[in-house]
Amino acid sequence: MTLSMYDMQDRVMVFIDLRNMTKSVKMDSQFSRLDFEFLVNYLLMGRKLLAAYIFDSKGVLEADDRSRAFHDLLRYKGFRVIARDSFDVERDEQKEVDVAMACQIVVHALRDNYDTAIVVSGDRDFIPAIQEVQAAGKKVEVAAFSKHMAKEMRRAADKYYELDDVPLLSLSNYYAEESASDAKEEIQ
């Protein structure tokens, strides 16, 4: 028995670091992708979802950016996508995204918007935010792939989910989904 027990009445918010997750998984083809809907439902374990956030950076050229279409698809599925306009081309890395995610985790806790936060990232940069949320009386669960999980994150969490054996990859035809999404928008 652990000291941190599940309460099926908990209000849960999920915060996903998109880049951390996609770097953790090697895609076999352009038609496979992480199934974020399955991931969220797996982590909820029957508890009440209030919101699921995905944090990422916008691409360099917004008009030609494939990530924009993917962000739109995630929004259509109900995710709240926070895409920062902060990609560093010279270093080929995103900026401001972890801080934006940490701010949202803490702000929602202090506003009493959830009982449990689920942080989907193994990045130890989130530890100060996790500690502040726990100090405010909230529970924090962390989910990540073992190779991309800082040991300190595992220790900081009230509960840790190792995602290595969870079937998170789905086969999909991205272009067919995008066309279906466009067609639904035209109907409405």
C-alpha atoms as a PDB file:
ATOM      1  CA  MET A   1       0.000   0.000   0.000  1.00  0.00           C
ATOM      2  CA  THR A   2       1.269   3.473  -0.849  1.00  0.00           C
ATOM      3  CA  LEU A   3       0.518   6.651   1.032  1.00  0.00           C
ATOM      4  CA  SER A   4      -0.844   8.249  -2.143  1.00  0.00           C
ATOM      5  CA  MET A   5      -4.130   6.537  -2.943  1.00  0.00           C
ATOM      6  CA  TYR A   6      -6.389   6.934  -5.951  1.00  0.00           C
ATOM      7  CA  ASP A   7      -9.565   8.822  -5.335  1.00  0.00           C
ATOM      8  CA  MET A   8     -12.022   8.230  -8.158  1.00  0.00           C
ATOM      9  CA  GLN A   9     -13.569  11.619  -7.332  1.00  0.00           C
ATOM     10  CA  ASP A  10     -10.303  13.468  -8.043  1.00  0.00           C
ATOM     11  CA  ARG A  11     -10.427  16.237 -10.605  1.00  0.00           C
ATOM     12  CA  VAL A  12      -7.484  15.643 -12.940  1.00  0.00           C
ATOM     13  CA  MET A  13      -5.602  17.838 -15.366  1.00  0.00           C
ATOM     14  CA  VAL A  14      -3.000  16.383 -17.738  1.00  0.00           C
ATOM     15  CA  PHE A  15       0.007  18.390 -18.927  1.00  0.00           C
ATOM     16  CA  ILE A  16       1.947  16.885 -21.856  1.00  0.00           C
ATOM     17  CA  ASP A  17       5.374  18.010 -23.053  1.00  0.00           C
ATOM     18  CA  LEU A  18       4.940  17.089 -26.723  1.00  0.00           C
ATOM     19  CA  ARG A  19       8.588  17.359 -27.757  1.00  0.00           C
ATOM     20  CA  ASN A  20       9.736  15.244 -24.809  1.00  0.00           C
ATOM     21  CA  MET A  21       7.261  12.533 -25.739  1.00  0.00           C
ATOM     22  CA  THR A  22       8.014  12.480 -29.460  1.00  0.00           C
ATOM     23  CA  LYS A  23      11.763  12.399 -28.809  1.00  0.00           C
ATOM     24  CA  SER A  24      11.210   9.410 -26.544  1.00  0.00           C
ATOM     25  CA  VAL A  25       9.647   7.314 -29.290  1.00  0.00           C
ATOM     26  CA  LYS A  26      11.241   6.410 -32.577  1.00  0.00           C
ATOM     27  CA  MET A  27       8.595   6.471 -35.249  1.00  0.00           C
ATOM     28  CA  ASP A  28       8.735   3.548 -37.667  1.00  0.00           C
ATOM     29  CA  SER A  29       6.997   5.368 -40.496  1.00  0.00           C
ATOM     30  CA  GLN A  30       5.121   8.522 -41.325  1.00  0.00           C
ATOM     31  CA  PHE A  31       1.870   6.649 -40.675  1.00  0.00           C
ATOM     32  CA  SER A  32       2.532   5.878 -37.016  1.00  0.00           C
ATOM     33  CA  ARG A  33       2.151   8.333 -34.202  1.00  0.00           C
ATOM     34  CA  LEU A  34       1.651   8.587 -30.502  1.00  0.00           C
ATOM     35  CA  ASP A  35      -1.977   8.083 -29.539  1.00  0.00           C
ATOM     36  CA  PHE A  36      -2.431  10.914 -27.055  1.00  0.00           C
ATOM     37  CA  GLU A  37      -6.124  10.165 -26.508  1.00  0.00           C
ATOM     38  CA  PHE A  38      -5.270   6.612 -25.416  1.00  0.00           C
ATOM     39  CA  LEU A  39      -2.461   7.946 -23.230  1.00  0.00           C
ATOM     40  CA  VAL A  40      -4.752  10.344 -21.374  1.00  0.00           C
ATOM     41  CA  ASN A  41      -7.453   7.709 -20.846  1.00  0.00           C
ATOM     42  CA  TYR A  42      -4.842   5.202 -19.657  1.00  0.00           C
ATOM     43  CA  LEU A  43      -3.497   7.675 -17.085  1.00  0.00           C
ATOM     44  CA  LEU A  44      -6.932   8.758 -15.859  1.00  0.00           C
ATOM     45  CA  MET A  45      -7.927   5.264 -14.745  1.00  0.00           C
ATOM     46  CA  GLY A  46     -11.580   6.298 -14.549  1.00  0.00           C
ATOM     47  CA  ARG A  47     -11.054   9.626 -12.795  1.00  0.00           C
ATOM     48  CA  LYS A  48     -12.648  12.877 -13.993  1.00  0.00           C
ATOM     49  CA  LEU A  49     -10.661  14.769 -16.640  1.00  0.00           C
ATOM     50  CA  LEU A  50     -11.023  18.534 -16.471  1.00  0.00           C
ATOM     51  CA  ALA A  51      -8.514  19.392 -19.214  1.00  0.00           C
ATOM     52  CA  ALA A  52      -5.627  17.918 -21.157  1.00  0.00           C
ATOM     53  CA  TYR A  53      -2.947  20.375 -22.245  1.00  0.00           C
ATOM     54  CA  ILE A  54      -0.253  19.782 -24.843  1.00  0.00           C
ATOM     55  CA  PHE A  55       2.733  22.126 -24.931  1.00  0.00           C
ATOM     56  CA  ASP A  56       4.926  22.602 -28.006  1.00  0.00           C
ATOM     57  CA  SER A  57       6.614  25.275 -30.089  1.00  0.00           C
ATOM     58  CA  LYS A  58       5.367  26.563 -33.389  1.00  0.00           C
ATOM     59  CA  GLY A  59       7.353  25.763 -36.495  1.00  0.00           C
ATOM     60  CA  VAL A  60       9.609  28.267 -38.167  1.00  0.00           C
ATOM     61  CA  LEU A  61       7.317  28.835 -41.142  1.00  0.00           C
ATOM     62  CA  GLU A  62       3.792  28.765 -39.752  1.00  0.00           C
ATOM     63  CA  ALA A  63       2.090  28.571 -43.175  1.00  0.00           C
ATOM     64  CA  ASP A  64       4.047  25.478 -44.257  1.00  0.00           C
ATOM     65  CA  ASP A  65       4.346  23.981 -40.823  1.00  0.00           C
ATOM     66  CA  ARG A  66       3.163  20.377 -40.495  1.00  0.00           C
ATOM     67  CA  SER A  67       3.091  20.820 -36.739  1.00  0.00           C
ATOM     68  CA  ARG A  68       0.330  23.438 -37.119  1.00  0.00           C
ATOM     69  CA  ALA A  69      -1.917  20.896 -38.839  1.00  0.00           C
ATOM     70  CA  PHE A  70      -1.085  18.381 -36.100  1.00  0.00           C
ATOM     71  CA  HIS A  71      -1.872  20.974 -33.413  1.00  0.00           C
ATOM     72  CA  ASP A  72      -5.206  21.640 -35.126  1.00  0.00           C
ATOM     73  CA  LEU A  73      -5.975  17.922 -35.144  1.00  0.00           C
ATOM     74  CA  LEU A  74      -5.181  17.714 -31.411  1.00  0.00           C
ATOM     75  CA  ARG A  75      -7.446  20.708 -30.758  1.00  0.00           C
ATOM     76  CA  TYR A  76     -10.222  19.036 -32.723  1.00  0.00           C
ATOM     77  CA  LYS A  77      -9.846  15.993 -30.451  1.00  0.00           C
ATOM     78  CA  GLY A  78     -10.299  18.178 -27.360  1.00  0.00           C
ATOM     79  CA  PHE A  79      -6.749  18.962 -26.284  1.00  0.00           C
ATOM     80  CA  ARG A  80      -5.801  22.476 -25.279  1.00  0.00           C
ATOM     81  CA  VAL A  81      -2.680  23.127 -27.319  1.00  0.00           C
ATOM     82  CA  ILE A  82      -0.263  25.783 -26.093  1.00  0.00           C
ATOM     83  CA  ALA A  83       2.199  26.414 -28.933  1.00  0.00           C
ATOM     84  CA  ARG A  84       4.886  28.981 -28.160  1.00  0.00           C
ATOM     85  CA  ASP A  85       6.363  31.021 -30.991  1.00  0.00           C
ATOM     86  CA  SER A  86       9.877  30.398 -29.742  1.00  0.00           C
ATOM     87  CA  PHE A  87      11.758  27.875 -31.840  1.00  0.00           C
ATOM     88  CA  ASP A  88      15.532  28.537 -31.974  1.00  0.00           C
ATOM     89  CA  VAL A  89      16.551  27.669 -35.532  1.00  0.00           C
ATOM     90  CA  GLU A  90      20.297  27.934 -34.887  1.00  0.00           C
ATOM     91  CA  ARG A  91      20.196  25.433 -32.027  1.00  0.00           C
ATOM     92  CA  ASP A  92      17.309  23.402 -33.469  1.00  0.00           C
ATOM     93  CA  GLU A  93      15.460  23.507 -30.148  1.00  0.00           C
ATOM     94  CA  GLN A  94      12.353  24.982 -28.622  1.00  0.00           C
ATOM     95  CA  LYS A  95      12.437  27.709 -26.001  1.00  0.00           C
ATOM     96  CA  GLU A  96       9.934  28.876 -23.339  1.00  0.00           C
ATOM     97  CA  VAL A  97       7.825  25.721 -23.611  1.00  0.00           C
ATOM     98  CA  ASP A  98       8.842  24.063 -20.316  1.00  0.00           C
ATOM     99  CA  VAL A  99       8.391  27.357 -18.445  1.00  0.00           C
ATOM    100  CA  ALA A 100       4.937  27.872 -19.992  1.00  0.00           C
ATOM    101  CA  MET A 101       3.950  24.339 -18.955  1.00  0.00           C
ATOM    102  CA  ALA A 102       5.321  24.757 -15.426  1.00  0.00           C
ATOM    103  CA  CYS A 103       3.426  28.043 -15.045  1.00  0.00           C
ATOM    104  CA  GLN A 104       0.141  26.434 -16.074  1.00  0.00           C
ATOM    105  CA  ILE A 105       0.668  23.509 -13.693  1.00  0.00           C
ATOM    106  CA  VAL A 106       1.256  25.859 -10.747  1.00  0.00           C
ATOM    107  CA  VAL A 107      -1.427  28.437 -11.641  1.00  0.00           C
ATOM    108  CA  HIS A 108      -4.145  25.805 -11.983  1.00  0.00           C
ATOM    109  CA  ALA A 109      -3.111  24.282  -8.649  1.00  0.00           C
ATOM    110  CA  LEU A 110      -3.201  27.614  -6.839  1.00  0.00           C
ATOM    111  CA  ARG A 111      -6.632  28.357  -8.346  1.00  0.00           C
ATOM    112  CA  ASP A 112      -7.810  24.958  -7.030  1.00  0.00           C
ATOM    113  CA  ASN A 113      -8.735  23.826 -10.552  1.00  0.00           C
ATOM    114  CA  TYR A 114      -7.640  20.218  -9.937  1.00  0.00           C
ATOM    115  CA  ASP A 115      -6.832  17.687  -7.254  1.00  0.00           C
ATOM    116  CA  THR A 116      -4.249  15.735  -9.260  1.00  0.00           C
ATOM    117  CA  ALA A 117      -1.909  16.910 -11.992  1.00  0.00           C
ATOM    118  CA  ILE A 118      -0.423  14.369 -14.372  1.00  0.00           C
ATOM    119  CA  VAL A 119       2.825  15.616 -15.891  1.00  0.00           C
ATOM    120  CA  VAL A 120       3.762  13.695 -19.025  1.00  0.00           C
ATOM    121  CA  SER A 121       7.483  14.375 -19.292  1.00  0.00           C
ATOM    122  CA  GLY A 122      10.655  13.046 -17.782  1.00  0.00           C
ATOM    123  CA  ASP A 123      12.368  16.443 -17.814  1.00  0.00           C
ATOM    124  CA  ARG A 124      13.679  17.355 -14.371  1.00  0.00           C
ATOM    125  CA  ASP A 125      13.100  21.054 -15.101  1.00  0.00           C
ATOM    126  CA  PHE A 126       9.553  20.482 -13.810  1.00  0.00           C
ATOM    127  CA  ILE A 127      10.644  19.484 -10.292  1.00  0.00           C
ATOM    128  CA  PRO A 128      10.308  22.995  -8.746  1.00  0.00           C
ATOM    129  CA  ALA A 129       6.773  23.288 -10.156  1.00  0.00           C
ATOM    130  CA  ILE A 130       5.898  19.818  -8.860  1.00  0.00           C
ATOM    131  CA  GLN A 131       7.174  20.711  -5.390  1.00  0.00           C
ATOM    132  CA  GLU A 132       5.138  23.943  -5.311  1.00  0.00           C
ATOM    133  CA  VAL A 133       1.994  22.096  -6.375  1.00  0.00           C
ATOM    134  CA  GLN A 134       2.526  19.451  -3.706  1.00  0.00           C
ATOM    135  CA  ALA A 135       3.103  22.194  -1.120  1.00  0.00           C
ATOM    136  CA  ALA A 136      -0.323  23.555  -2.119  1.00  0.00           C
ATOM    137  CA  GLY A 137      -1.839  20.181  -1.142  1.00  0.00           C
ATOM    138  CA  LYS A 138      -2.211  18.697  -4.629  1.00  0.00           C
ATOM    139  CA  LYS A 139      -1.014  15.342  -5.928  1.00  0.00           C
ATOM    140  CA  VAL A 140       1.334  15.109  -8.889  1.00  0.00           C
ATOM    141  CA  GLU A 141       1.759  12.016 -11.006  1.00  0.00           C
ATOM    142  CA  VAL A 142       4.490  11.736 -13.619  1.00  0.00           C
ATOM    143  CA  ALA A 143       4.461   9.611 -16.760  1.00  0.00           C
ATOM    144  CA  ALA A 144       7.395   9.066 -19.108  1.00  0.00           C
ATOM    145  CA  PHE A 145       9.495   6.508 -20.912  1.00  0.00           C
ATOM    146  CA  SER A 146      12.219   5.095 -18.675  1.00  0.00           C
ATOM    147  CA  LYS A 147      15.102   6.181 -20.932  1.00  0.00           C
ATOM    148  CA  HIS A 148      13.872   9.773 -20.836  1.00  0.00           C
ATOM    149  CA  MET A 149      12.967   9.953 -17.161  1.00  0.00           C
ATOM    150  CA  ALA A 150      15.231  11.772 -14.745  1.00  0.00           C
ATOM    151  CA  LYS A 151      15.576   9.789 -11.512  1.00  0.00           C
ATOM    152  CA  GLU A 152      14.815  12.963  -9.597  1.00  0.00           C
ATOM    153  CA  MET A 153      11.454  13.281 -11.370  1.00  0.00           C
ATOM    154  CA  ARG A 154      10.520   9.783 -10.314  1.00  0.00           C
ATOM    155  CA  ARG A 155      11.354  10.658  -6.720  1.00  0.00           C
ATOM    156  CA  ALA A 156       9.441  13.961  -6.827  1.00  0.00           C
ATOM    157  CA  ALA A 157       6.203  12.389  -8.068  1.00  0.00           C
ATOM    158  CA  ASP A 158       3.440  11.044  -5.852  1.00  0.00           C
ATOM    159  CA  LYS A 159       3.017   8.310  -8.467  1.00  0.00           C
ATOM    160  CA  TYR A 160       5.129   7.373 -11.465  1.00  0.00           C
ATOM    161  CA  TYR A 161       3.953   5.675 -14.668  1.00  0.00           C
ATOM    162  CA  GLU A 162       6.541   3.998 -16.840  1.00  0.00           C
ATOM    163  CA  LEU A 163       5.214   4.102 -20.404  1.00  0.00           C
ATOM    164  CA  ASP A 164       7.648   1.629 -21.995  1.00  0.00           C
ATOM    165  CA  ASP A 165       5.133  -1.219 -22.274  1.00  0.00           C
ATOM    166  CA  VAL A 166       2.001   0.848 -22.884  1.00  0.00           C
ATOM    167  CA  PRO A 167       0.748   0.499 -26.494  1.00  0.00           C
ATOM    168  CA  LEU A 168       0.847   4.203 -27.361  1.00  0.00           C
ATOM    169  CA  LEU A 169       1.675   4.002 -31.066  1.00  0.00           C
ATOM    170  CA  SER A 170      -1.213   3.959 -33.474  1.00  0.00           C
ATOM    171  CA  LEU A 171      -1.251   3.500 -37.214  1.00  0.00           C
ATOM    172  CA  SER A 172      -3.003   6.311 -38.970  1.00  0.00           C
ATOM    173  CA  ASN A 173      -3.192   8.099 -42.256  1.00  0.00           C
ATOM    174  CA  TYR A 174      -2.493  11.678 -41.265  1.00  0.00           C
ATOM    175  CA  TYR A 175      -3.647  13.104 -44.599  1.00  0.00           C
ATOM    176  CA  ALA A 176      -6.977  11.247 -44.485  1.00  0.00           C
ATOM    177  CA  GLU A 177      -7.602  12.553 -40.957  1.00  0.00           C
ATOM    178  CA  GLU A 178      -6.731  16.088 -42.037  1.00  0.00           C
ATOM    179  CA  SER A 179      -9.126  15.884 -45.006  1.00  0.00           C
ATOM    180  CA  ALA A 180     -11.892  14.525 -42.764  1.00  0.00           C
ATOM    181  CA  SER A 181     -11.290  17.348 -40.303  1.00  0.00           C
ATOM    182  CA  ASP A 182     -11.478  19.941 -43.109  1.00  0.00           C
ATOM    183  CA  ALA A 183     -14.706  18.401 -44.371  1.00  0.00           C
ATOM    184  CA  LYS A 184     -16.294  18.586 -40.899  1.00  0.00           C
ATOM    185  CA  GLU A 185     -15.379  22.272 -40.631  1.00  0.00           C
ATOM    186  CA  GLU A 186     -17.024  22.998 -43.985  1.00  0.00           C
ATOM    187  CA  ILE A 187     -20.255  21.287 -42.862  1.00  0.00           C
ATOM    188  CA  GLN A 188     -20.472  23.333 -39.640  1.00  0.00           C
END
